[in-house]
Amino acid sequence: MRGRDVVAEMEREGERYLVIGYSPSRPPCLVQLTPSEVDVIDRWIGGEPMRCIAKARRAAERTVANQIASAYRKLGVGSRQELLNLLHGESRETGK
């Protein structure tokens, strides 16, 4: 099951139940990013300032800036808006 995992099993009155956890699938384009880049990009598109991302990750702001730049380069985007468009399946040329 893509994006789903069995997180617990339980039995009640002779019936077996599986508790399923669901985490949304990441867009396929993010596969080419490192886990650190994905974390930084998630925070960045969520609107967190670079300073806050760096503090949360216990990294220098320059490191976070480099990770964002590296992700942009790998994804072929040049701005936060282009990144959002890409992640939401919109064309960079048309914005739709």
C-alpha atoms as a PDB file:
ATOM      1  CA  MET A   1       0.000   0.000   0.000  1.00  0.00           C
ATOM      2  CA  ARG A   2       1.615   3.233  -1.119  1.00  0.00           C
ATOM      3  CA  GLY A   3       1.733   5.833   1.647  1.00  0.00           C
ATOM      4  CA  ARG A   4       0.084   3.500   4.169  1.00  0.00           C
ATOM      5  CA  ASP A   5       1.555   1.342   6.900  1.00  0.00           C
ATOM      6  CA  VAL A   6       0.058  -1.008   9.443  1.00  0.00           C
ATOM      7  CA  VAL A   7       0.870   0.688  12.728  1.00  0.00           C
ATOM      8  CA  ALA A   8      -0.909  -1.698  15.094  1.00  0.00           C
ATOM      9  CA  GLU A   9      -2.882  -4.909  15.236  1.00  0.00           C
ATOM     10  CA  MET A  10      -5.578  -5.670  17.772  1.00  0.00           C
ATOM     11  CA  GLU A  11      -8.107  -8.345  18.455  1.00  0.00           C
ATOM     12  CA  ARG A  12     -11.502  -7.748  19.997  1.00  0.00           C
ATOM     13  CA  GLU A  13     -14.276 -10.269  20.502  1.00  0.00           C
ATOM     14  CA  GLY A  14     -12.563 -12.719  18.162  1.00  0.00           C
ATOM     15  CA  GLU A  15     -12.194 -10.157  15.364  1.00  0.00           C
ATOM     16  CA  ARG A  16      -8.765  -9.024  14.170  1.00  0.00           C
ATOM     17  CA  TYR A  17      -8.324  -5.336  13.375  1.00  0.00           C
ATOM     18  CA  LEU A  18      -5.449  -3.536  11.696  1.00  0.00           C
ATOM     19  CA  VAL A  19      -4.774   0.101  12.478  1.00  0.00           C
ATOM     20  CA  ILE A  20      -3.558   1.789   9.326  1.00  0.00           C
ATOM     21  CA  GLY A  21      -1.464   4.948   9.377  1.00  0.00           C
ATOM     22  CA  TYR A  22      -1.482   7.117   6.289  1.00  0.00           C
ATOM     23  CA  SER A  23       1.161   9.547   5.190  1.00  0.00           C
ATOM     24  CA  PRO A  24       0.633  11.376   1.923  1.00  0.00           C
ATOM     25  CA  SER A  25       2.967  10.392  -0.876  1.00  0.00           C
ATOM     26  CA  ARG A  26       5.630  12.882  -1.824  1.00  0.00           C
ATOM     27  CA  PRO A  27       5.669  14.194  -5.348  1.00  0.00           C
ATOM     28  CA  PRO A  28       7.968  12.008  -7.478  1.00  0.00           C
ATOM     29  CA  CYS A  29      10.258  14.946  -8.259  1.00  0.00           C
ATOM     30  CA  LEU A  30      11.409  15.029  -4.616  1.00  0.00           C
ATOM     31  CA  VAL A  31      13.008  11.589  -4.929  1.00  0.00           C
ATOM     32  CA  GLN A  32      16.156  13.212  -6.321  1.00  0.00           C
ATOM     33  CA  LEU A  33      16.629  15.344  -3.170  1.00  0.00           C
ATOM     34  CA  THR A  34      18.505  14.341  -0.039  1.00  0.00           C
ATOM     35  CA  PRO A  35      16.452  13.878   3.153  1.00  0.00           C
ATOM     36  CA  SER A  36      17.924  17.139   4.475  1.00  0.00           C
ATOM     37  CA  GLU A  37      16.928  19.004   1.322  1.00  0.00           C
ATOM     38  CA  VAL A  38      13.393  17.605   1.537  1.00  0.00           C
ATOM     39  CA  ASP A  39      13.077  18.712   5.164  1.00  0.00           C
ATOM     40  CA  VAL A  40      14.373  22.193   4.378  1.00  0.00           C
ATOM     41  CA  ILE A  41      12.139  22.520   1.300  1.00  0.00           C
ATOM     42  CA  ASP A  42       9.068  21.377   3.287  1.00  0.00           C
ATOM     43  CA  ARG A  43       9.734  24.090   5.845  1.00  0.00           C
ATOM     44  CA  TRP A  44      10.626  26.686   3.188  1.00  0.00           C
ATOM     45  CA  ILE A  45       7.419  26.236   1.174  1.00  0.00           C
ATOM     46  CA  GLY A  46       5.508  26.260   4.447  1.00  0.00           C
ATOM     47  CA  GLY A  47       6.685  29.846   4.890  1.00  0.00           C
ATOM     48  CA  GLU A  48       9.313  29.378   7.594  1.00  0.00           C
ATOM     49  CA  PRO A  49      12.087  31.963   7.461  1.00  0.00           C
ATOM     50  CA  MET A  50      15.565  30.639   6.733  1.00  0.00           C
ATOM     51  CA  ARG A  51      16.712  31.731  10.196  1.00  0.00           C
ATOM     52  CA  CYS A  52      14.018  29.583  11.867  1.00  0.00           C
ATOM     53  CA  ILE A  53      14.756  26.577   9.643  1.00  0.00           C
ATOM     54  CA  ALA A  54      18.448  26.856  10.520  1.00  0.00           C
ATOM     55  CA  LYS A  55      17.701  27.087  14.234  1.00  0.00           C
ATOM     56  CA  ALA A  56      15.322  24.091  14.143  1.00  0.00           C
ATOM     57  CA  ARG A  57      17.879  22.028  12.237  1.00  0.00           C
ATOM     58  CA  ARG A  58      20.799  23.275  14.349  1.00  0.00           C
ATOM     59  CA  ALA A  59      22.546  24.408  11.194  1.00  0.00           C
ATOM     60  CA  ALA A  60      23.990  27.642   9.885  1.00  0.00           C
ATOM     61  CA  GLU A  61      21.724  29.847   7.776  1.00  0.00           C
ATOM     62  CA  ARG A  62      24.273  29.514   4.973  1.00  0.00           C
ATOM     63  CA  THR A  63      23.852  25.706   5.082  1.00  0.00           C
ATOM     64  CA  VAL A  64      20.086  26.068   4.733  1.00  0.00           C
ATOM     65  CA  ALA A  65      20.543  28.550   1.873  1.00  0.00           C
ATOM     66  CA  ASN A  66      22.875  26.089   0.145  1.00  0.00           C
ATOM     67  CA  GLN A  67      20.367  23.243   0.589  1.00  0.00           C
ATOM     68  CA  ILE A  68      17.580  25.364  -0.902  1.00  0.00           C
ATOM     69  CA  ALA A  69      19.819  26.365  -3.829  1.00  0.00           C
ATOM     70  CA  SER A  70      20.812  22.734  -4.390  1.00  0.00           C
ATOM     71  CA  ALA A  71      17.167  21.621  -4.366  1.00  0.00           C
ATOM     72  CA  TYR A  72      16.193  24.397  -6.794  1.00  0.00           C
ATOM     73  CA  ARG A  73      19.005  23.364  -9.132  1.00  0.00           C
ATOM     74  CA  LYS A  74      18.054  19.671  -9.007  1.00  0.00           C
ATOM     75  CA  LEU A  75      14.377  20.468  -9.578  1.00  0.00           C
ATOM     76  CA  GLY A  76      15.003  23.055 -12.285  1.00  0.00           C
ATOM     77  CA  VAL A  77      13.195  25.892 -10.527  1.00  0.00           C
ATOM     78  CA  GLY A  78      14.310  29.406  -9.697  1.00  0.00           C
ATOM     79  CA  SER A  79      11.869  30.612  -7.058  1.00  0.00           C
ATOM     80  CA  ARG A  80       9.602  29.506  -4.248  1.00  0.00           C
ATOM     81  CA  GLN A  81       6.574  30.067  -6.498  1.00  0.00           C
ATOM     82  CA  GLU A  82       8.024  27.873  -9.260  1.00  0.00           C
ATOM     83  CA  LEU A  83       8.715  25.215  -6.638  1.00  0.00           C
ATOM     84  CA  LEU A  84       5.120  25.386  -5.393  1.00  0.00           C
ATOM     85  CA  ASN A  85       3.856  25.162  -8.966  1.00  0.00           C
ATOM     86  CA  LEU A  86       6.023  22.105  -9.587  1.00  0.00           C
ATOM     87  CA  LEU A  87       4.881  20.385  -6.401  1.00  0.00           C
ATOM     88  CA  HIS A  88       1.255  21.041  -7.256  1.00  0.00           C
ATOM     89  CA  GLY A  89       1.658  19.764 -10.804  1.00  0.00           C
ATOM     90  CA  GLU A  90       1.347  23.136 -12.464  1.00  0.00           C
ATOM     91  CA  SER A  91       3.273  24.121 -15.541  1.00  0.00           C
ATOM     92  CA  ARG A  92       6.038  26.623 -14.924  1.00  0.00           C
ATOM     93  CA  GLU A  93       5.374  28.220 -18.308  1.00  0.00           C
ATOM     94  CA  THR A  94       1.632  28.763 -17.945  1.00  0.00           C
ATOM     95  CA  GLY A  95       1.227  28.865 -14.178  1.00  0.00           C
ATOM     96  CA  LYS A  96      -1.714  26.468 -14.558  1.00  0.00           C
END
